[in-house]
């Protein structure tokens, strides 16, 4: 309880402050000097994200369109898709759609 009798709860991670900190009087710079917006077709973005391949035997990374693997039938059959949580087909399309809606 505070001096005035009101009950205060804390998360337990830090002590409760009786007096709030002073708000910043001068806005702080963000450190960002410039922002670029590249107008790119959504299908191009998705194709770029889904075209990544890896040769598990060597760890080499390739892209079907922009950095194709060498013409090697053995390697071609070893290549696997490079997938992560942000690069799944449905997730990638959702990210593009959300970004497009915000712009």
PDB file of N, CA and C in Angstrom:
ATOM      1  N   UNK A   1       0.842  -1.189   0.000  1.00  0.00           N
ATOM      2  CA  UNK A   1       0.000   0.000   0.000  1.00  0.00           C
ATOM      3  C   UNK A   1       0.878   1.240   0.000  1.00  0.00           C
ATOM      4  N   UNK A   2       0.384   2.272  -0.672  1.00  0.00           N
ATOM      5  CA  UNK A   2       1.111   3.536  -0.709  1.00  0.00           C
ATOM      6  C   UNK A   2       0.786   4.336   0.541  1.00  0.00           C
ATOM      7  N   UNK A   3       1.448   5.486   0.689  1.00  0.00           N
ATOM      8  CA  UNK A   3       1.203   6.349   1.845  1.00  0.00           C
ATOM      9  C   UNK A   3      -0.249   6.806   1.893  1.00  0.00           C
ATOM     10  N   UNK A   4      -0.882   6.942   0.734  1.00  0.00           N
ATOM     11  CA  UNK A   4      -2.281   7.386   0.709  1.00  0.00           C
ATOM     12  C   UNK A   4      -3.248   6.231   0.939  1.00  0.00           C
ATOM     13  N   UNK A   5      -2.729   5.011   1.062  1.00  0.00           N
ATOM     14  CA  UNK A   5      -3.579   3.878   1.367  1.00  0.00           C
ATOM     15  C   UNK A   5      -4.017   3.067   0.159  1.00  0.00           C
ATOM     16  N   UNK A   6      -3.681   3.514  -1.050  1.00  0.00           N
ATOM     17  CA  UNK A   6      -4.094   2.736  -2.218  1.00  0.00           C
ATOM     18  C   UNK A   6      -3.194   1.518  -2.383  1.00  0.00           C
ATOM     19  N   UNK A   7      -3.781   0.461  -2.889  1.00  0.00           N
ATOM     20  CA  UNK A   7      -3.038  -0.782  -3.047  1.00  0.00           C
ATOM     21  C   UNK A   7      -2.319  -0.776  -4.387  1.00  0.00           C
ATOM     22  N   UNK A   8      -1.045  -1.228  -4.394  1.00  0.00           N
ATOM     23  CA  UNK A   8      -0.258  -1.250  -5.626  1.00  0.00           C
ATOM     24  C   UNK A   8       0.225  -2.667  -5.854  1.00  0.00           C
ATOM     25  N   UNK A   9       0.187  -3.090  -7.112  1.00  0.00           N
ATOM     26  CA  UNK A   9       0.644  -4.424  -7.474  1.00  0.00           C
ATOM     27  C   UNK A   9       1.868  -4.290  -8.364  1.00  0.00           C
ATOM     28  N   UNK A  10       2.787  -5.201  -8.222  1.00  0.00           N
ATOM     29  CA  UNK A  10       3.984  -5.217  -9.060  1.00  0.00           C
ATOM     30  C   UNK A  10       4.130  -6.602  -9.665  1.00  0.00           C
ATOM     31  N   UNK A  11       4.824  -6.663 -10.775  1.00  0.00           N
ATOM     32  CA  UNK A  11       5.037  -7.935 -11.462  1.00  0.00           C
ATOM     33  C   UNK A  11       6.034  -8.815 -10.723  1.00  0.00           C
ATOM     34  N   UNK A  12       6.752  -8.260  -9.783  1.00  0.00           N
ATOM     35  CA  UNK A  12       7.727  -9.041  -9.043  1.00  0.00           C
ATOM     36  C   UNK A  12       9.101  -9.017  -9.680  1.00  0.00           C
ATOM     37  N   UNK A  13       9.218  -8.390 -10.833  1.00  0.00           N
ATOM     38  CA  UNK A  13      10.509  -8.326 -11.515  1.00  0.00           C
ATOM     39  C   UNK A  13      11.304  -7.105 -11.089  1.00  0.00           C
ATOM     40  N   UNK A  14      10.619  -6.058 -10.656  1.00  0.00           N
ATOM     41  CA  UNK A  14      11.282  -4.825 -10.258  1.00  0.00           C
ATOM     42  C   UNK A  14      10.459  -4.199  -9.146  1.00  0.00           C
ATOM     43  N   UNK A  15      11.098  -3.442  -8.277  1.00  0.00           N
ATOM     44  CA  UNK A  15      10.334  -2.812  -7.204  1.00  0.00           C
ATOM     45  C   UNK A  15       9.373  -1.758  -7.754  1.00  0.00           C
ATOM     46  N   UNK A  16       8.273  -1.569  -7.049  1.00  0.00           N
ATOM     47  CA  UNK A  16       7.299  -0.549  -7.435  1.00  0.00           C
ATOM     48  C   UNK A  16       7.868   0.811  -7.058  1.00  0.00           C
ATOM     49  N   UNK A  17       7.815   1.763  -7.984  1.00  0.00           N
ATOM     50  CA  UNK A  17       8.295   3.118  -7.705  1.00  0.00           C
ATOM     51  C   UNK A  17       7.143   3.949  -7.165  1.00  0.00           C
ATOM     52  N   UNK A  18       7.394   4.654  -6.107  1.00  0.00           N
ATOM     53  CA  UNK A  18       6.371   5.520  -5.527  1.00  0.00           C
ATOM     54  C   UNK A  18       6.163   6.762  -6.377  1.00  0.00           C
ATOM     55  N   UNK A  19       7.208   7.211  -7.039  1.00  0.00           N
ATOM     56  CA  UNK A  19       7.128   8.407  -7.873  1.00  0.00           C
ATOM     57  C   UNK A  19       7.467   7.998  -9.297  1.00  0.00           C
ATOM     58  N   UNK A  20       6.617   8.399 -10.221  1.00  0.00           N
ATOM     59  CA  UNK A  20       6.862   8.063 -11.630  1.00  0.00           C
ATOM     60  C   UNK A  20       8.088   8.811 -12.132  1.00  0.00           C
ATOM     61  N   UNK A  21       8.858   8.196 -13.021  1.00  0.00           N
ATOM     62  CA  UNK A  21      10.017   8.900 -13.578  1.00  0.00           C
ATOM     63  C   UNK A  21       9.556  10.075 -14.431  1.00  0.00           C
ATOM     64  N   UNK A  22      10.403  11.099 -14.515  1.00  0.00           N
ATOM     65  CA  UNK A  22      10.077  12.265 -15.339  1.00  0.00           C
ATOM     66  C   UNK A  22      10.028  11.857 -16.802  1.00  0.00           C
ATOM     67  N   UNK A  23       8.986  12.290 -17.514  1.00  0.00           N
ATOM     68  CA  UNK A  23       8.946  11.985 -18.949  1.00  0.00           C
ATOM     69  C   UNK A  23      10.032  12.771 -19.678  1.00  0.00           C
ATOM     70  N   UNK A  24      10.477  12.232 -20.779  1.00  0.00           N
ATOM     71  CA  UNK A  24      11.492  12.925 -21.575  1.00  0.00           C
ATOM     72  C   UNK A  24      10.912  14.242 -22.068  1.00  0.00           C
ATOM     73  N   UNK A  25      11.655  15.313 -21.880  1.00  0.00           N
ATOM     74  CA  UNK A  25      11.158  16.622 -22.312  1.00  0.00           C
ATOM     75  C   UNK A  25      11.528  16.914 -23.756  1.00  0.00           C
ATOM     76  N   UNK A  26      12.568  16.276 -24.236  1.00  0.00           N
ATOM     77  CA  UNK A  26      13.003  16.483 -25.618  1.00  0.00           C
ATOM     78  C   UNK A  26      12.913  15.144 -26.338  1.00  0.00           C
ATOM     79  N   UNK A  27      12.226  15.100 -27.481  1.00  0.00           N
ATOM     80  CA  UNK A  27      12.164  13.834 -28.222  1.00  0.00           C
ATOM     81  C   UNK A  27      13.569  13.346 -28.575  1.00  0.00           C
ATOM     82  N   UNK A  28      13.780  12.074 -28.399  1.00  0.00           N
ATOM     83  CA  UNK A  28      15.074  11.482 -28.705  1.00  0.00           C
ATOM     84  C   UNK A  28      15.127  11.079 -30.176  1.00  0.00           C
ATOM     85  N   UNK A  29      16.265  11.298 -30.832  1.00  0.00           N
ATOM     86  CA  UNK A  29      16.365  10.892 -32.238  1.00  0.00           C
ATOM     87  C   UNK A  29      16.312   9.374 -32.359  1.00  0.00           C
ATOM     88  N   UNK A  30      15.754   8.914 -33.470  1.00  0.00           N
ATOM     89  CA  UNK A  30      15.608   7.473 -33.663  1.00  0.00           C
ATOM     90  C   UNK A  30      16.889   6.813 -34.145  1.00  0.00           C
ATOM     91  N   UNK A  31      17.758   7.574 -34.760  1.00  0.00           N
ATOM     92  CA  UNK A  31      18.960   6.993 -35.338  1.00  0.00           C
ATOM     93  C   UNK A  31      18.759   6.560 -36.778  1.00  0.00           C
ATOM     94  N   UNK A  32      17.527   6.648 -37.267  1.00  0.00           N
ATOM     95  CA  UNK A  32      17.235   6.294 -38.662  1.00  0.00           C
ATOM     96  C   UNK A  32      17.308   7.567 -39.490  1.00  0.00           C
ATOM     97  N   UNK A  33      18.185   7.582 -40.479  1.00  0.00           N
ATOM     98  CA  UNK A  33      18.350   8.764 -41.320  1.00  0.00           C
ATOM     99  C   UNK A  33      17.479   8.729 -42.563  1.00  0.00           C
ATOM    100  N   UNK A  34      17.203   7.542 -43.063  1.00  0.00           N
ATOM    101  CA  UNK A  34      16.440   7.435 -44.300  1.00  0.00           C
ATOM    102  C   UNK A  34      15.704   6.094 -44.309  1.00  0.00           C
ATOM    103  N   UNK A  35      14.570   6.071 -44.957  1.00  0.00           N
ATOM    104  CA  UNK A  35      13.817   4.830 -45.142  1.00  0.00           C
ATOM    105  C   UNK A  35      13.513   4.694 -46.626  1.00  0.00           C
ATOM    106  N   UNK A  36      13.666   3.519 -47.155  1.00  0.00           N
ATOM    107  CA  UNK A  36      13.406   3.270 -48.569  1.00  0.00           C
ATOM    108  C   UNK A  36      12.194   2.373 -48.724  1.00  0.00           C
ATOM    109  N   UNK A  37      11.408   2.656 -49.716  1.00  0.00           N
ATOM    110  CA  UNK A  37      10.289   1.793 -50.066  1.00  0.00           C
ATOM    111  C   UNK A  37      10.536   1.315 -51.483  1.00  0.00           C
ATOM    112  N   UNK A  38      10.633   0.018 -51.665  1.00  0.00           N
ATOM    113  CA  UNK A  38      10.840  -0.557 -52.987  1.00  0.00           C
ATOM    114  C   UNK A  38       9.526  -1.154 -53.460  1.00  0.00           C
ATOM    115  N   UNK A  39       9.021  -0.656 -54.563  1.00  0.00           N
ATOM    116  CA  UNK A  39       7.774  -1.180 -55.125  1.00  0.00           C
ATOM    117  C   UNK A  39       8.105  -2.447 -55.910  1.00  0.00           C
ATOM    118  N   UNK A  40       7.732  -3.577 -55.350  1.00  0.00           N
ATOM    119  CA  UNK A  40       8.025  -4.870 -55.967  1.00  0.00           C
ATOM    120  C   UNK A  40       6.729  -5.675 -56.003  1.00  0.00           C
ATOM    121  N   UNK A  41       6.518  -6.369 -57.099  1.00  0.00           N
ATOM    122  CA  UNK A  41       5.336  -7.201 -57.260  1.00  0.00           C
ATOM    123  C   UNK A  41       5.307  -8.296 -56.188  1.00  0.00           C
ATOM    124  N   UNK A  42       4.145  -8.526 -55.601  1.00  0.00           N
ATOM    125  CA  UNK A  42       4.005  -9.526 -54.531  1.00  0.00           C
ATOM    126  C   UNK A  42       4.448 -10.914 -54.981  1.00  0.00           C
ATOM    127  N   UNK A  43       4.108 -11.289 -56.200  1.00  0.00           N
ATOM    128  CA  UNK A  43       4.511 -12.611 -56.703  1.00  0.00           C
ATOM    129  C   UNK A  43       6.025 -12.734 -56.789  1.00  0.00           C
ATOM    130  N   UNK A  44       6.691 -11.645 -57.137  1.00  0.00           N
ATOM    131  CA  UNK A  44       8.155 -11.642 -57.216  1.00  0.00           C
ATOM    132  C   UNK A  44       8.760 -11.855 -55.824  1.00  0.00           C
ATOM    133  N   UNK A  45       8.175 -11.201 -54.821  1.00  0.00           N
ATOM    134  CA  UNK A  45       8.666 -11.349 -53.448  1.00  0.00           C
ATOM    135  C   UNK A  45       8.509 -12.796 -52.982  1.00  0.00           C
ATOM    136  N   UNK A  46       7.355 -13.362 -53.232  1.00  0.00           N
ATOM    137  CA  UNK A  46       7.091 -14.739 -52.797  1.00  0.00           C
ATOM    138  C   UNK A  46       8.002 -15.716 -53.532  1.00  0.00           C
ATOM    139  N   UNK A  47       8.162 -15.523 -54.839  1.00  0.00           N
ATOM    140  CA  UNK A  47       9.045 -16.406 -55.617  1.00  0.00           C
ATOM    141  C   UNK A  47      10.487 -16.303 -55.116  1.00  0.00           C
ATOM    142  N   UNK A  48      10.906 -15.102 -54.782  1.00  0.00           N
ATOM    143  CA  UNK A  48      12.265 -14.904 -54.276  1.00  0.00           C
ATOM    144  C   UNK A  48      12.449 -15.647 -52.943  1.00  0.00           C
ATOM    145  N   UNK A  49      11.446 -15.568 -52.088  1.00  0.00           N
ATOM    146  CA  UNK A  49      11.539 -16.231 -50.793  1.00  0.00           C
ATOM    147  C   UNK A  49      11.462 -17.738 -50.876  1.00  0.00           C
ATOM    148  N   UNK A  50      10.697 -18.248 -51.823  1.00  0.00           N
ATOM    149  CA  UNK A  50      10.498 -19.696 -51.914  1.00  0.00           C
ATOM    150  C   UNK A  50      11.495 -20.391 -52.834  1.00  0.00           C
ATOM    151  N   UNK A  51      12.341 -19.645 -53.542  1.00  0.00           N
ATOM    152  CA  UNK A  51      13.261 -20.250 -54.500  1.00  0.00           C
ATOM    153  C   UNK A  51      14.583 -20.707 -53.919  1.00  0.00           C
ATOM    154  N   UNK A  52      14.759 -20.571 -52.621  1.00  0.00           N
ATOM    155  CA  UNK A  52      16.039 -20.941 -52.008  1.00  0.00           C
ATOM    156  C   UNK A  52      16.177 -22.456 -51.890  1.00  0.00           C
ATOM    157  N   UNK A  53      17.379 -22.950 -52.193  1.00  0.00           N
ATOM    158  CA  UNK A  53      17.691 -24.379 -52.099  1.00  0.00           C
ATOM    159  C   UNK A  53      19.062 -24.545 -51.449  1.00  0.00           C
ATOM    160  N   UNK A  54      19.262 -25.706 -50.825  1.00  0.00           N
ATOM    161  CA  UNK A  54      20.537 -26.001 -50.196  1.00  0.00           C
ATOM    162  C   UNK A  54      20.965 -27.413 -50.557  1.00  0.00           C
ATOM    163  N   UNK A  55      22.258 -27.568 -50.756  1.00  0.00           N
ATOM    164  CA  UNK A  55      22.840 -28.895 -50.947  1.00  0.00           C
ATOM    165  C   UNK A  55      23.289 -29.373 -49.570  1.00  0.00           C
ATOM    166  N   UNK A  56      22.581 -30.329 -48.968  1.00  0.00           N
ATOM    167  CA  UNK A  56      22.937 -30.759 -47.614  1.00  0.00           C
ATOM    168  C   UNK A  56      24.321 -31.401 -47.519  1.00  0.00           C
ATOM    169  N   UNK A  57      24.839 -31.908 -48.618  1.00  0.00           N
ATOM    170  CA  UNK A  57      26.162 -32.542 -48.589  1.00  0.00           C
ATOM    171  C   UNK A  57      27.273 -31.506 -48.420  1.00  0.00           C
ATOM    172  N   UNK A  58      27.084 -30.313 -48.984  1.00  0.00           N
ATOM    173  CA  UNK A  58      28.130 -29.290 -48.929  1.00  0.00           C
ATOM    174  C   UNK A  58      27.729 -28.068 -48.109  1.00  0.00           C
ATOM    175  N   UNK A  59      26.427 -27.892 -47.863  1.00  0.00           N
ATOM    176  CA  UNK A  59      25.946 -26.710 -47.154  1.00  0.00           C
ATOM    177  C   UNK A  59      25.814 -25.486 -48.048  1.00  0.00           C
ATOM    178  N   UNK A  60      26.081 -25.646 -49.341  1.00  0.00           N
ATOM    179  CA  UNK A  60      25.991 -24.511 -50.265  1.00  0.00           C
ATOM    180  C   UNK A  60      24.539 -24.098 -50.464  1.00  0.00           C
ATOM    181  N   UNK A  61      24.324 -22.780 -50.546  1.00  0.00           N
ATOM    182  CA  UNK A  61      22.996 -22.233 -50.784  1.00  0.00           C
ATOM    183  C   UNK A  61      22.877 -21.755 -52.219  1.00  0.00           C
ATOM    184  N   UNK A  62      21.716 -21.965 -52.793  1.00  0.00           N
ATOM    185  CA  UNK A  62      21.432 -21.553 -54.165  1.00  0.00           C
ATOM    186  C   UNK A  62      20.047 -20.927 -54.211  1.00  0.00           C
ATOM    187  N   UNK A  63      19.762 -20.294 -55.320  1.00  0.00           N
ATOM    188  CA  UNK A  63      18.413 -19.809 -55.597  1.00  0.00           C
ATOM    189  C   UNK A  63      18.074 -20.243 -57.012  1.00  0.00           C
ATOM    190  N   UNK A  64      16.888 -20.772 -57.184  1.00  0.00           N
ATOM    191  CA  UNK A  64      16.484 -21.322 -58.474  1.00  0.00           C
ATOM    192  C   UNK A  64      16.631 -20.299 -59.598  1.00  0.00           C
ATOM    193  N   UNK A  65      16.290 -19.026 -59.347  1.00  0.00           N
ATOM    194  CA  UNK A  65      16.342 -18.003 -60.400  1.00  0.00           C
ATOM    195  C   UNK A  65      17.610 -17.164 -60.376  1.00  0.00           C
ATOM    196  N   UNK A  66      18.084 -16.790 -59.183  1.00  0.00           N
ATOM    197  CA  UNK A  66      19.127 -15.770 -59.079  1.00  0.00           C
ATOM    198  C   UNK A  66      20.534 -16.305 -58.842  1.00  0.00           C
ATOM    199  N   UNK A  67      20.666 -17.516 -58.360  1.00  0.00           N
ATOM    200  CA  UNK A  67      21.971 -18.147 -58.141  1.00  0.00           C
ATOM    201  C   UNK A  67      21.774 -19.657 -58.281  1.00  0.00           C
ATOM    202  N   UNK A  68      21.496 -20.099 -59.525  1.00  0.00           N
ATOM    203  CA  UNK A  68      21.172 -21.518 -59.723  1.00  0.00           C
ATOM    204  C   UNK A  68      22.370 -22.424 -59.431  1.00  0.00           C
ATOM    205  N   UNK A  69      22.080 -23.651 -59.026  1.00  0.00           N
ATOM    206  CA  UNK A  69      23.161 -24.607 -58.789  1.00  0.00           C
ATOM    207  C   UNK A  69      23.797 -25.012 -60.113  1.00  0.00           C
ATOM    208  N   UNK A  70      25.013 -25.546 -60.060  1.00  0.00           N
ATOM    209  CA  UNK A  70      25.642 -26.007 -61.295  1.00  0.00           C
ATOM    210  C   UNK A  70      24.828 -27.133 -61.938  1.00  0.00           C
ATOM    211  N   UNK A  71      25.034 -27.297 -63.222  1.00  0.00           N
ATOM    212  CA  UNK A  71      24.333 -28.367 -63.941  1.00  0.00           C
ATOM    213  C   UNK A  71      24.999 -29.681 -63.544  1.00  0.00           C
ATOM    214  N   UNK A  72      24.402 -30.330 -62.566  1.00  0.00           N
ATOM    215  CA  UNK A  72      24.945 -31.564 -62.021  1.00  0.00           C
ATOM    216  C   UNK A  72      23.753 -32.403 -61.574  1.00  0.00           C
ATOM    217  N   UNK A  73      23.503 -33.490 -62.286  1.00  0.00           N
ATOM    218  CA  UNK A  73      22.318 -34.307 -62.017  1.00  0.00           C
ATOM    219  C   UNK A  73      22.313 -34.851 -60.592  1.00  0.00           C
ATOM    220  N   UNK A  74      23.480 -35.213 -60.071  1.00  0.00           N
ATOM    221  CA  UNK A  74      23.550 -35.757 -58.713  1.00  0.00           C
ATOM    222  C   UNK A  74      23.179 -34.677 -57.697  1.00  0.00           C
ATOM    223  N   UNK A  75      23.771 -33.485 -57.851  1.00  0.00           N
ATOM    224  CA  UNK A  75      23.475 -32.399 -56.925  1.00  0.00           C
ATOM    225  C   UNK A  75      22.013 -31.984 -57.026  1.00  0.00           C
ATOM    226  N   UNK A  76      21.486 -31.956 -58.222  1.00  0.00           N
ATOM    227  CA  UNK A  76      20.102 -31.526 -58.431  1.00  0.00           C
ATOM    228  C   UNK A  76      19.142 -32.368 -57.594  1.00  0.00           C
ATOM    229  N   UNK A  77      19.421 -33.645 -57.465  1.00  0.00           N
ATOM    230  CA  UNK A  77      18.544 -34.528 -56.692  1.00  0.00           C
ATOM    231  C   UNK A  77      18.774 -34.410 -55.185  1.00  0.00           C
ATOM    232  N   UNK A  78      19.918 -33.845 -54.783  1.00  0.00           N
ATOM    233  CA  UNK A  78      20.199 -33.655 -53.353  1.00  0.00           C
ATOM    234  C   UNK A  78      19.592 -32.369 -52.812  1.00  0.00           C
ATOM    235  N   UNK A  79      19.324 -31.410 -53.670  1.00  0.00           N
ATOM    236  CA  UNK A  79      18.872 -30.100 -53.205  1.00  0.00           C
ATOM    237  C   UNK A  79      17.579 -30.198 -52.408  1.00  0.00           C
ATOM    238  N   UNK A  80      17.540 -29.436 -51.318  1.00  0.00           N
ATOM    239  CA  UNK A  80      16.339 -29.381 -50.479  1.00  0.00           C
ATOM    240  C   UNK A  80      15.908 -27.924 -50.340  1.00  0.00           C
ATOM    241  N   UNK A  81      14.607 -27.726 -50.115  1.00  0.00           N
ATOM    242  CA  UNK A  81      14.087 -26.380 -49.879  1.00  0.00           C
ATOM    243  C   UNK A  81      14.677 -25.830 -48.587  1.00  0.00           C
ATOM    244  N   UNK A  82      14.939 -24.540 -48.586  1.00  0.00           N
ATOM    245  CA  UNK A  82      15.367 -23.861 -47.364  1.00  0.00           C
ATOM    246  C   UNK A  82      14.118 -23.250 -46.753  1.00  0.00           C
ATOM    247  N   UNK A  83      13.724 -23.744 -45.610  1.00  0.00           N
ATOM    248  CA  UNK A  83      12.502 -23.270 -44.957  1.00  0.00           C
ATOM    249  C   UNK A  83      12.816 -22.839 -43.528  1.00  0.00           C
ATOM    250  N   UNK A  84      12.198 -21.765 -43.122  1.00  0.00           N
ATOM    251  CA  UNK A  84      12.204 -21.354 -41.727  1.00  0.00           C
ATOM    252  C   UNK A  84      10.823 -20.791 -41.424  1.00  0.00           C
ATOM    253  N   UNK A  85      10.577 -20.416 -40.199  1.00  0.00           N
ATOM    254  CA  UNK A  85       9.237 -19.978 -39.806  1.00  0.00           C
ATOM    255  C   UNK A  85       8.737 -18.784 -40.612  1.00  0.00           C
ATOM    256  N   UNK A  86       9.642 -17.892 -41.026  1.00  0.00           N
ATOM    257  CA  UNK A  86       9.241 -16.710 -41.787  1.00  0.00           C
ATOM    258  C   UNK A  86       9.168 -16.971 -43.277  1.00  0.00           C
ATOM    259  N   UNK A  87       9.538 -18.157 -43.709  1.00  0.00           N
ATOM    260  CA  UNK A  87       9.648 -18.426 -45.131  1.00  0.00           C
ATOM    261  C   UNK A  87       8.754 -19.572 -45.586  1.00  0.00           C
ATOM    262  N   UNK A  88       7.764 -19.918 -44.805  1.00  0.00           N
ATOM    263  CA  UNK A  88       6.810 -20.935 -45.233  1.00  0.00           C
ATOM    264  C   UNK A  88       5.858 -20.308 -46.239  1.00  0.00           C
ATOM    265  N   UNK A  89       5.388 -21.057 -47.234  1.00  0.00           N
ATOM    266  CA  UNK A  89       4.552 -20.455 -48.283  1.00  0.00           C
ATOM    267  C   UNK A  89       3.374 -19.639 -47.748  1.00  0.00           C
ATOM    268  N   UNK A  90       2.607 -20.176 -46.822  1.00  0.00           N
ATOM    269  CA  UNK A  90       1.463 -19.431 -46.287  1.00  0.00           C
ATOM    270  C   UNK A  90       1.886 -18.230 -45.464  1.00  0.00           C
ATOM    271  N   UNK A  91       2.921 -18.402 -44.645  1.00  0.00           N
ATOM    272  CA  UNK A  91       3.410 -17.317 -43.797  1.00  0.00           C
ATOM    273  C   UNK A  91       3.960 -16.180 -44.632  1.00  0.00           C
ATOM    274  N   UNK A  92       4.719 -16.508 -45.654  1.00  0.00           N
ATOM    275  CA  UNK A  92       5.304 -15.490 -46.519  1.00  0.00           C
ATOM    276  C   UNK A  92       4.216 -14.680 -47.206  1.00  0.00           C
ATOM    277  N   UNK A  93       3.197 -15.347 -47.719  1.00  0.00           N
ATOM    278  CA  UNK A  93       2.081 -14.644 -48.364  1.00  0.00           C
ATOM    279  C   UNK A  93       1.356 -13.751 -47.358  1.00  0.00           C
ATOM    280  N   UNK A  94       1.188 -14.224 -46.122  1.00  0.00           N
ATOM    281  CA  UNK A  94       0.540 -13.417 -45.082  1.00  0.00           C
ATOM    282  C   UNK A  94       1.365 -12.177 -44.756  1.00  0.00           C
ATOM    283  N   UNK A  95       2.695 -12.324 -44.672  1.00  0.00           N
ATOM    284  CA  UNK A  95       3.572 -11.176 -44.404  1.00  0.00           C
ATOM    285  C   UNK A  95       3.450 -10.131 -45.510  1.00  0.00           C
ATOM    286  N   UNK A  96       3.468 -10.584 -46.753  1.00  0.00           N
ATOM    287  CA  UNK A  96       3.366  -9.661 -47.887  1.00  0.00           C
ATOM    288  C   UNK A  96       2.020  -8.947 -47.859  1.00  0.00           C
ATOM    289  N   UNK A  97       0.959  -9.689 -47.597  1.00  0.00           N
ATOM    290  CA  UNK A  97      -0.383  -9.091 -47.554  1.00  0.00           C
ATOM    291  C   UNK A  97      -0.497  -8.071 -46.420  1.00  0.00           C
ATOM    292  N   UNK A  98       0.040  -8.392 -45.254  1.00  0.00           N
ATOM    293  CA  UNK A  98      -0.013  -7.470 -44.113  1.00  0.00           C
ATOM    294  C   UNK A  98       0.782  -6.205 -44.403  1.00  0.00           C
ATOM    295  N   UNK A  99       1.957  -6.350 -45.010  1.00  0.00           N
ATOM    296  CA  UNK A  99       2.767  -5.181 -45.342  1.00  0.00           C
ATOM    297  C   UNK A  99       2.048  -4.305 -46.357  1.00  0.00           C
ATOM    298  N   UNK A 100       1.479  -4.932 -47.383  1.00  0.00           N
ATOM    299  CA  UNK A 100       0.773  -4.185 -48.426  1.00  0.00           C
ATOM    300  C   UNK A 100      -0.411  -3.426 -47.833  1.00  0.00           C
ATOM    301  N   UNK A 101      -1.103  -4.020 -46.881  1.00  0.00           N
ATOM    302  CA  UNK A 101      -2.255  -3.358 -46.252  1.00  0.00           C
ATOM    303  C   UNK A 101      -1.823  -2.155 -45.422  1.00  0.00           C
ATOM    304  N   UNK A 102      -0.613  -2.194 -44.851  1.00  0.00           N
ATOM    305  CA  UNK A 102      -0.127  -1.095 -44.015  1.00  0.00           C
ATOM    306  C   UNK A 102       0.429   0.068 -44.817  1.00  0.00           C
ATOM    307  N   UNK A 103       0.796  -0.166 -46.058  1.00  0.00           N
ATOM    308  CA  UNK A 103       1.439   0.884 -46.858  1.00  0.00           C
ATOM    309  C   UNK A 103       0.431   1.802 -47.461  1.00  0.00           C
TER     310      UNK A 103
END
